[in-house]
Amino acid sequence: LPERQASAARYSKPRAIVASAERVDLDTAW
């Protein structure tokens, strides 16, 4: 049976989950 596929959201869609990302500096991260 066929299935309805999801579609990508627009880029400006409000983020329900506020996330952050950064590169880890091994000299200070510990």
Full PDB file with SEQRES, HELIX, SHEET, SSBOND, CRYST1, ORIGX, SCALE, CONECT and MASTER records, all heavy atoms in Angstrom:
SEQRES   1 A   30  LEU PRO GLU ARG GLN ALA SER ALA ALA ARG TYR SER LYS          
SEQRES   2 A   30  PRO ARG ALA ILE VAL ALA SER ALA GLU ARG VAL ASP LEU          
SEQRES   3 A   30  ASP THR ALA TRP                                              
HELIX    1 AA1 LEU A   26  ALA A   29  1                                   4    
CRYST1    1.000    1.000    1.000  90.00  90.00  90.00 P 1           1          
ORIGX1      1.000000  0.000000  0.000000        0.00000                         
ORIGX2      0.000000  1.000000  0.000000        0.00000                         
ORIGX3      0.000000  0.000000  1.000000        0.00000                         
SCALE1      1.000000  0.000000  0.000000        0.00000                         
SCALE2      0.000000  1.000000  0.000000        0.00000                         
SCALE3      0.000000  0.000000  1.000000        0.00000                         
ATOM      1  N   LEU A   1       0.830  -1.183   0.000  1.00  0.00           N  
ATOM      2  CA  LEU A   1       0.000   0.000   0.000  1.00  0.00           C  
ATOM      3  C   LEU A   1       0.877   1.249   0.000  1.00  0.00           C  
ATOM      4  O   LEU A   1       1.916   1.294   0.646  1.00  0.00           O  
ATOM      5  CB  LEU A   1      -0.909   0.011   1.234  1.00  0.00           C  
ATOM      6  CG  LEU A   1      -1.964  -1.093   1.270  1.00  0.00           C  
ATOM      7  CD1 LEU A   1      -2.758  -0.981   2.554  1.00  0.00           C  
ATOM      8  CD2 LEU A   1      -2.882  -1.021   0.067  1.00  0.00           C  
ATOM      9  N   PRO A   2       0.479   2.279  -0.712  1.00  0.00           N  
ATOM     10  CA  PRO A   2       1.264   3.500  -0.764  1.00  0.00           C  
ATOM     11  C   PRO A   2       1.208   4.240   0.562  1.00  0.00           C  
ATOM     12  O   PRO A   2       0.321   4.049   1.372  1.00  0.00           O  
ATOM     13  CB  PRO A   2       0.578   4.305  -1.882  1.00  0.00           C  
ATOM     14  CG  PRO A   2      -0.824   3.835  -1.837  1.00  0.00           C  
ATOM     15  CD  PRO A   2      -0.758   2.367  -1.482  1.00  0.00           C  
ATOM     16  N   GLU A   3       2.145   5.124   0.757  1.00  0.00           N  
ATOM     17  CA  GLU A   3       2.237   5.851   2.000  1.00  0.00           C  
ATOM     18  C   GLU A   3       2.523   7.316   1.694  1.00  0.00           C  
ATOM     19  O   GLU A   3       3.288   7.625   0.775  1.00  0.00           O  
ATOM     20  CB  GLU A   3       3.359   5.270   2.880  1.00  0.00           C  
ATOM     21  CG  GLU A   3       3.126   3.805   3.222  1.00  0.00           C  
ATOM     22  CD  GLU A   3       4.364   3.162   3.775  1.00  0.00           C  
ATOM     23  OE1 GLU A   3       5.468   3.585   3.400  1.00  0.00           O  
ATOM     24  OE2 GLU A   3       4.235   2.249   4.588  1.00  0.00           O  
ATOM     25  N   ARG A   4       1.907   8.180   2.434  1.00  0.00           N  
ATOM     26  CA  ARG A   4       2.148   9.593   2.240  1.00  0.00           C  
ATOM     27  C   ARG A   4       3.506   9.952   2.802  1.00  0.00           C  
ATOM     28  O   ARG A   4       3.848   9.594   3.920  1.00  0.00           O  
ATOM     29  CB  ARG A   4       1.045  10.406   2.919  1.00  0.00           C  
ATOM     30  CG  ARG A   4       1.269  11.897   2.813  1.00  0.00           C  
ATOM     31  CD  ARG A   4       0.038  12.653   3.265  1.00  0.00           C  
ATOM     32  NE  ARG A   4      -1.085  12.361   2.410  1.00  0.00           N  
ATOM     33  CZ  ARG A   4      -2.303  12.828   2.635  1.00  0.00           C  
ATOM     34  NH1 ARG A   4      -2.538  13.577   3.674  1.00  0.00           N  
ATOM     35  NH2 ARG A   4      -3.292  12.524   1.826  1.00  0.00           N  
ATOM     36  N   GLN A   5       4.289  10.668   2.039  1.00  0.00           N  
ATOM     37  CA  GLN A   5       5.634  11.004   2.452  1.00  0.00           C  
ATOM     38  C   GLN A   5       5.666  12.386   3.080  1.00  0.00           C  
ATOM     39  O   GLN A   5       4.898  13.282   2.726  1.00  0.00           O  
ATOM     40  CB  GLN A   5       6.583  10.949   1.252  1.00  0.00           C  
ATOM     41  CG  GLN A   5       6.728   9.556   0.655  1.00  0.00           C  
ATOM     42  CD  GLN A   5       7.551   9.565  -0.596  1.00  0.00           C  
ATOM     43  OE1 GLN A   5       7.638  10.569  -1.287  1.00  0.00           O  
ATOM     44  NE2 GLN A   5       8.170   8.442  -0.907  1.00  0.00           N  
ATOM     45  N   ALA A   6       6.580  12.545   4.044  1.00  0.00           N  
ATOM     46  CA  ALA A   6       6.751  13.838   4.684  1.00  0.00           C  
ATOM     47  C   ALA A   6       7.533  14.767   3.769  1.00  0.00           C  
ATOM     48  O   ALA A   6       8.256  14.333   2.877  1.00  0.00           O  
ATOM     49  CB  ALA A   6       7.481  13.656   6.016  1.00  0.00           C  
ATOM     50  N   SER A   7       7.401  16.052   3.998  1.00  0.00           N  
ATOM     51  CA  SER A   7       8.110  17.051   3.205  1.00  0.00           C  
ATOM     52  C   SER A   7       8.908  17.941   4.138  1.00  0.00           C  
ATOM     53  O   SER A   7       8.575  18.120   5.310  1.00  0.00           O  
ATOM     54  CB  SER A   7       7.124  17.892   2.385  1.00  0.00           C  
ATOM     55  OG  SER A   7       6.177  18.518   3.234  1.00  0.00           O  
ATOM     56  N   ALA A   8       9.994  18.518   3.593  1.00  0.00           N  
ATOM     57  CA  ALA A   8      10.860  19.367   4.397  1.00  0.00           C  
ATOM     58  C   ALA A   8      10.166  20.682   4.719  1.00  0.00           C  
ATOM     59  O   ALA A   8       9.349  21.193   3.946  1.00  0.00           O  
ATOM     60  CB  ALA A   8      12.170  19.625   3.654  1.00  0.00           C  
ATOM     61  N   ALA A   9      10.502  21.235   5.862  1.00  0.00           N  
ATOM     62  CA  ALA A   9       9.920  22.503   6.291  1.00  0.00           C  
ATOM     63  C   ALA A   9      10.643  23.663   5.624  1.00  0.00           C  
ATOM     64  O   ALA A   9      11.736  23.508   5.060  1.00  0.00           O  
ATOM     65  CB  ALA A   9      10.004  22.636   7.809  1.00  0.00           C  
ATOM     66  N   ARG A  10      10.023  24.824   5.676  1.00  0.00           N  
ATOM     67  CA  ARG A  10      10.689  26.025   5.175  1.00  0.00           C  
ATOM     68  C   ARG A  10      11.837  26.379   6.112  1.00  0.00           C  
ATOM     69  O   ARG A  10      11.822  26.027   7.296  1.00  0.00           O  
ATOM     70  CB  ARG A  10       9.707  27.182   5.061  1.00  0.00           C  
ATOM     71  CG  ARG A  10       9.178  27.693   6.376  1.00  0.00           C  
ATOM     72  CD  ARG A  10       8.143  28.800   6.166  1.00  0.00           C  
ATOM     73  NE  ARG A  10       7.799  29.463   7.403  1.00  0.00           N  
ATOM     74  CZ  ARG A  10       6.915  29.024   8.282  1.00  0.00           C  
ATOM     75  NH1 ARG A  10       6.266  27.890   8.037  1.00  0.00           N  
ATOM     76  NH2 ARG A  10       6.676  29.684   9.394  1.00  0.00           N  
ATOM     77  N   TYR A  11      12.815  27.114   5.605  1.00  0.00           N  
ATOM     78  CA  TYR A  11      14.007  27.385   6.399  1.00  0.00           C  
ATOM     79  C   TYR A  11      13.698  28.286   7.589  1.00  0.00           C  
ATOM     80  O   TYR A  11      14.309  28.154   8.656  1.00  0.00           O  
ATOM     81  CB  TYR A  11      15.083  28.040   5.532  1.00  0.00           C  
ATOM     82  CG  TYR A  11      16.391  28.237   6.260  1.00  0.00           C  
ATOM     83  CD1 TYR A  11      17.245  27.166   6.483  1.00  0.00           C  
ATOM     84  CD2 TYR A  11      16.747  29.490   6.765  1.00  0.00           C  
ATOM     85  CE1 TYR A  11      18.431  27.334   7.168  1.00  0.00           C  
ATOM     86  CE2 TYR A  11      17.937  29.669   7.449  1.00  0.00           C  
ATOM     87  CZ  TYR A  11      18.774  28.589   7.653  1.00  0.00           C  
ATOM     88  OH  TYR A  11      19.948  28.748   8.337  1.00  0.00           O  
ATOM     89  N   SER A  12      12.719  29.175   7.434  1.00  0.00           N  
ATOM     90  CA  SER A  12      12.409  30.120   8.508  1.00  0.00           C  
ATOM     91  C   SER A  12      11.464  29.541   9.552  1.00  0.00           C  
ATOM     92  O   SER A  12      11.024  30.266  10.444  1.00  0.00           O  
ATOM     93  CB  SER A  12      11.784  31.389   7.921  1.00  0.00           C  
ATOM     94  OG  SER A  12      10.583  31.077   7.227  1.00  0.00           O  
ATOM     95  N   LYS A  13      11.126  28.259   9.452  1.00  0.00           N  
ATOM     96  CA  LYS A  13      10.203  27.665  10.424  1.00  0.00           C  
ATOM     97  C   LYS A  13      10.783  27.794  11.831  1.00  0.00           C  
ATOM     98  O   LYS A  13      11.960  27.478  12.062  1.00  0.00           O  
ATOM     99  CB  LYS A  13       9.978  26.186  10.097  1.00  0.00           C  
ATOM    100  CG  LYS A  13       8.983  25.495  11.034  1.00  0.00           C  
ATOM    101  CD  LYS A  13       8.805  24.049  10.641  1.00  0.00           C  
ATOM    102  CE  LYS A  13       7.853  23.347  11.601  1.00  0.00           C  
ATOM    103  NZ  LYS A  13       6.486  23.899  11.505  1.00  0.00           N  
ATOM    104  N   PRO A  14       9.982  28.259  12.779  1.00  0.00           N  
ATOM    105  CA  PRO A  14      10.489  28.382  14.153  1.00  0.00           C  
ATOM    106  C   PRO A  14      10.961  27.038  14.689  1.00  0.00           C  
ATOM    107  O   PRO A  14      10.315  26.016  14.514  1.00  0.00           O  
ATOM    108  CB  PRO A  14       9.270  28.906  14.931  1.00  0.00           C  
ATOM    109  CG  PRO A  14       8.402  29.547  13.903  1.00  0.00           C  
ATOM    110  CD  PRO A  14       8.601  28.756  12.644  1.00  0.00           C  
ATOM    111  N   ARG A  15      12.112  27.052  15.368  1.00  0.00           N  
ATOM    112  CA  ARG A  15      12.685  25.838  15.935  1.00  0.00           C  
ATOM    113  C   ARG A  15      12.027  25.529  17.265  1.00  0.00           C  
ATOM    114  O   ARG A  15      12.116  26.332  18.211  1.00  0.00           O  
ATOM    115  CB  ARG A  15      14.184  25.992  16.127  1.00  0.00           C  
ATOM    116  CG  ARG A  15      15.075  25.611  14.966  1.00  0.00           C  
ATOM    117  CD  ARG A  15      14.680  26.181  13.640  1.00  0.00           C  
ATOM    118  NE  ARG A  15      15.725  25.952  12.623  1.00  0.00           N  
ATOM    119  CZ  ARG A  15      15.590  26.268  11.358  1.00  0.00           C  
ATOM    120  NH1 ARG A  15      14.444  26.806  10.926  1.00  0.00           N  
ATOM    121  NH2 ARG A  15      16.551  26.047  10.502  1.00  0.00           N  
ATOM    122  N   ALA A  16      11.361  24.353  17.338  1.00  0.00           N  
ATOM    123  CA  ALA A  16      10.749  23.951  18.606  1.00  0.00           C  
ATOM    124  C   ALA A  16      11.816  23.570  19.624  1.00  0.00           C  
ATOM    125  O   ALA A  16      11.599  23.674  20.833  1.00  0.00           O  
ATOM    126  CB  ALA A  16       9.794  22.785  18.379  1.00  0.00           C  
ATOM    127  N   ILE A  17      12.955  23.103  19.145  1.00  0.00           N  
ATOM    128  CA  ILE A  17      14.075  22.750  20.010  1.00  0.00           C  
ATOM    129  C   ILE A  17      15.216  23.711  19.724  1.00  0.00           C  
ATOM    130  O   ILE A  17      15.704  23.797  18.583  1.00  0.00           O  
ATOM    131  CB  ILE A  17      14.537  21.305  19.778  1.00  0.00           C  
ATOM    132  CG1 ILE A  17      13.401  20.325  20.075  1.00  0.00           C  
ATOM    133  CG2 ILE A  17      15.747  20.977  20.635  1.00  0.00           C  
ATOM    134  CD1 ILE A  17      13.763  18.878  19.792  1.00  0.00           C  
ATOM    135  N   VAL A  18      15.622  24.459  20.726  1.00  0.00           N  
ATOM    136  CA  VAL A  18      16.736  25.396  20.570  1.00  0.00           C  
ATOM    137  C   VAL A  18      18.020  24.637  20.846  1.00  0.00           C  
ATOM    138  O   VAL A  18      18.234  24.129  21.945  1.00  0.00           O  
ATOM    139  CB  VAL A  18      16.587  26.596  21.524  1.00  0.00           C  
ATOM    140  CG1 VAL A  18      17.767  27.546  21.351  1.00  0.00           C  
ATOM    141  CG2 VAL A  18      15.274  27.312  21.276  1.00  0.00           C  
ATOM    142  N   ALA A  19      18.849  24.535  19.822  1.00  0.00           N  
ATOM    143  CA  ALA A  19      20.085  23.757  19.956  1.00  0.00           C  
ATOM    144  C   ALA A  19      21.284  24.643  19.657  1.00  0.00           C  
ATOM    145  O   ALA A  19      21.170  25.701  19.030  1.00  0.00           O  
ATOM    146  CB  ALA A  19      20.071  22.558  19.016  1.00  0.00           C  
ATOM    147  N   SER A  20      22.424  24.202  20.127  1.00  0.00           N  
ATOM    148  CA  SER A  20      23.678  24.904  19.893  1.00  0.00           C  
ATOM    149  C   SER A  20      24.723  23.904  19.472  1.00  0.00           C  
ATOM    150  O   SER A  20      24.608  22.698  19.738  1.00  0.00           O  
ATOM    151  CB  SER A  20      24.132  25.654  21.160  1.00  0.00           C  
ATOM    152  OG  SER A  20      23.163  26.593  21.569  1.00  0.00           O  
ATOM    153  N   ALA A  21      25.741  24.397  18.801  1.00  0.00           N  
ATOM    154  CA  ALA A  21      26.835  23.542  18.343  1.00  0.00           C  
ATOM    155  C   ALA A  21      28.108  24.363  18.309  1.00  0.00           C  
ATOM    156  O   ALA A  21      28.095  25.553  17.969  1.00  0.00           O  
ATOM    157  CB  ALA A  21      26.529  22.967  16.961  1.00  0.00           C  
ATOM    158  N   GLU A  22      29.197  23.729  18.669  1.00  0.00           N  
ATOM    159  CA  GLU A  22      30.491  24.404  18.654  1.00  0.00           C  
ATOM    160  C   GLU A  22      31.588  23.359  18.556  1.00  0.00           C  
ATOM    161  O   GLU A  22      31.396  22.189  18.914  1.00  0.00           O  
ATOM    162  CB  GLU A  22      30.680  25.227  19.927  1.00  0.00           C  
ATOM    163  CG  GLU A  22      30.750  24.400  21.196  1.00  0.00           C  
ATOM    164  CD  GLU A  22      30.920  25.214  22.454  1.00  0.00           C  
ATOM    165  OE1 GLU A  22      30.887  26.449  22.341  1.00  0.00           O  
ATOM    166  OE2 GLU A  22      31.083  24.618  23.534  1.00  0.00           O  
ATOM    167  N   ARG A  23      32.726  23.807  18.058  1.00  0.00           N  
ATOM    168  CA  ARG A  23      33.888  22.914  18.015  1.00  0.00           C  
ATOM    169  C   ARG A  23      34.549  22.898  19.385  1.00  0.00           C  
ATOM    170  O   ARG A  23      34.646  23.920  20.069  1.00  0.00           O  
ATOM    171  CB  ARG A  23      34.880  23.367  16.953  1.00  0.00           C  
ATOM    172  CG  ARG A  23      36.068  22.421  16.825  1.00  0.00           C  
ATOM    173  CD  ARG A  23      36.903  22.691  15.613  1.00  0.00           C  
ATOM    174  NE  ARG A  23      38.010  21.743  15.533  1.00  0.00           N  
ATOM    175  CZ  ARG A  23      38.875  21.692  14.531  1.00  0.00           C  
ATOM    176  NH1 ARG A  23      38.756  22.545  13.501  1.00  0.00           N  
ATOM    177  NH2 ARG A  23      39.848  20.795  14.526  1.00  0.00           N  
ATOM    178  N   VAL A  24      35.005  21.724  19.786  1.00  0.00           N  
ATOM    179  CA  VAL A  24      35.585  21.533  21.103  1.00  0.00           C  
ATOM    180  C   VAL A  24      37.069  21.828  21.062  1.00  0.00           C  
ATOM    181  O   VAL A  24      37.801  21.304  20.203  1.00  0.00           O  
ATOM    182  CB  VAL A  24      35.335  20.098  21.606  1.00  0.00           C  
ATOM    183  CG1 VAL A  24      36.029  19.871  22.942  1.00  0.00           C  
ATOM    184  CG2 VAL A  24      33.852  19.837  21.733  1.00  0.00           C  
ATOM    185  N   ASP A  25      37.510  22.678  21.985  1.00  0.00           N  
ATOM    186  CA  ASP A  25      38.934  22.964  22.163  1.00  0.00           C  
ATOM    187  C   ASP A  25      39.457  22.031  23.250  1.00  0.00           C  
ATOM    188  O   ASP A  25      39.104  22.154  24.426  1.00  0.00           O  
ATOM    189  CB  ASP A  25      39.126  24.430  22.556  1.00  0.00           C  
ATOM    190  CG  ASP A  25      40.603  24.807  22.652  1.00  0.00           C  
ATOM    191  OD1 ASP A  25      41.456  23.924  22.402  1.00  0.00           O  
ATOM    192  OD2 ASP A  25      40.903  25.970  22.972  1.00  0.00           O  
ATOM    193  N   LEU A  26      40.267  21.075  22.863  1.00  0.00           N  
ATOM    194  CA  LEU A  26      40.732  20.061  23.815  1.00  0.00           C  
ATOM    195  C   LEU A  26      41.600  20.657  24.924  1.00  0.00           C  
ATOM    196  O   LEU A  26      41.771  20.034  25.981  1.00  0.00           O  
ATOM    197  CB  LEU A  26      41.514  18.969  23.081  1.00  0.00           C  
ATOM    198  CG  LEU A  26      40.697  18.091  22.127  1.00  0.00           C  
ATOM    199  CD1 LEU A  26      41.588  17.064  21.463  1.00  0.00           C  
ATOM    200  CD2 LEU A  26      39.553  17.410  22.864  1.00  0.00           C  
ATOM    201  N   ASP A  27      42.156  21.848  24.724  1.00  0.00           N  
ATOM    202  CA  ASP A  27      43.002  22.446  25.756  1.00  0.00           C  
ATOM    203  C   ASP A  27      42.197  22.961  26.944  1.00  0.00           C  
ATOM    204  O   ASP A  27      42.707  23.033  28.067  1.00  0.00           O  
ATOM    205  CB  ASP A  27      43.822  23.593  25.155  1.00  0.00           C  
ATOM    206  CG  ASP A  27      44.828  23.094  24.124  1.00  0.00           C  
ATOM    207  OD1 ASP A  27      45.271  21.939  24.257  1.00  0.00           O  
ATOM    208  OD2 ASP A  27      45.142  23.851  23.192  1.00  0.00           O  
ATOM    209  N   THR A  28      40.935  23.313  26.725  1.00  0.00           N  
ATOM    210  CA  THR A  28      40.114  23.877  27.809  1.00  0.00           C  
ATOM    211  C   THR A  28      38.860  23.068  28.092  1.00  0.00           C  
ATOM    212  O   THR A  28      38.234  23.254  29.132  1.00  0.00           O  
ATOM    213  CB  THR A  28      39.704  25.317  27.457  1.00  0.00           C  
ATOM    214  OG1 THR A  28      38.955  25.299  26.232  1.00  0.00           O  
ATOM    215  CG2 THR A  28      40.929  26.200  27.283  1.00  0.00           C  
ATOM    216  N   ALA A  29      38.472  22.177  27.174  1.00  0.00           N  
ATOM    217  CA  ALA A  29      37.200  21.465  27.341  1.00  0.00           C  
ATOM    218  C   ALA A  29      37.207  20.576  28.571  1.00  0.00           C  
ATOM    219  O   ALA A  29      36.177  20.420  29.239  1.00  0.00           O  
ATOM    220  CB  ALA A  29      36.914  20.634  26.094  1.00  0.00           C  
ATOM    221  N   TRP A  30      38.345  19.968  28.903  1.00  0.00           N  
ATOM    222  CA  TRP A  30      38.370  19.054  30.036  1.00  0.00           C  
ATOM    223  C   TRP A  30      38.081  19.781  31.348  1.00  0.00           C  
ATOM    224  O   TRP A  30      37.466  19.229  32.260  1.00  0.00           O  
ATOM    225  CB  TRP A  30      39.722  18.347  30.122  1.00  0.00           C  
ATOM    226  CG  TRP A  30      40.876  19.247  30.486  1.00  0.00           C  
ATOM    227  CD1 TRP A  30      41.641  19.984  29.643  1.00  0.00           C  
ATOM    228  CD2 TRP A  30      41.389  19.471  31.800  1.00  0.00           C  
ATOM    229  NE1 TRP A  30      42.597  20.677  30.343  1.00  0.00           N  
ATOM    230  CE2 TRP A  30      42.474  20.377  31.673  1.00  0.00           C  
ATOM    231  CE3 TRP A  30      41.040  19.018  33.071  1.00  0.00           C  
ATOM    232  CZ2 TRP A  30      43.192  20.827  32.773  1.00  0.00           C  
ATOM    233  CZ3 TRP A  30      41.767  19.464  34.164  1.00  0.00           C  
ATOM    234  CH2 TRP A  30      42.837  20.353  33.994  1.00  0.00           C  
TER     235      TRP A  30                                                      
MASTER        0    0    0    1    0    0    0    6  234    1    0    3          
END                                                                             
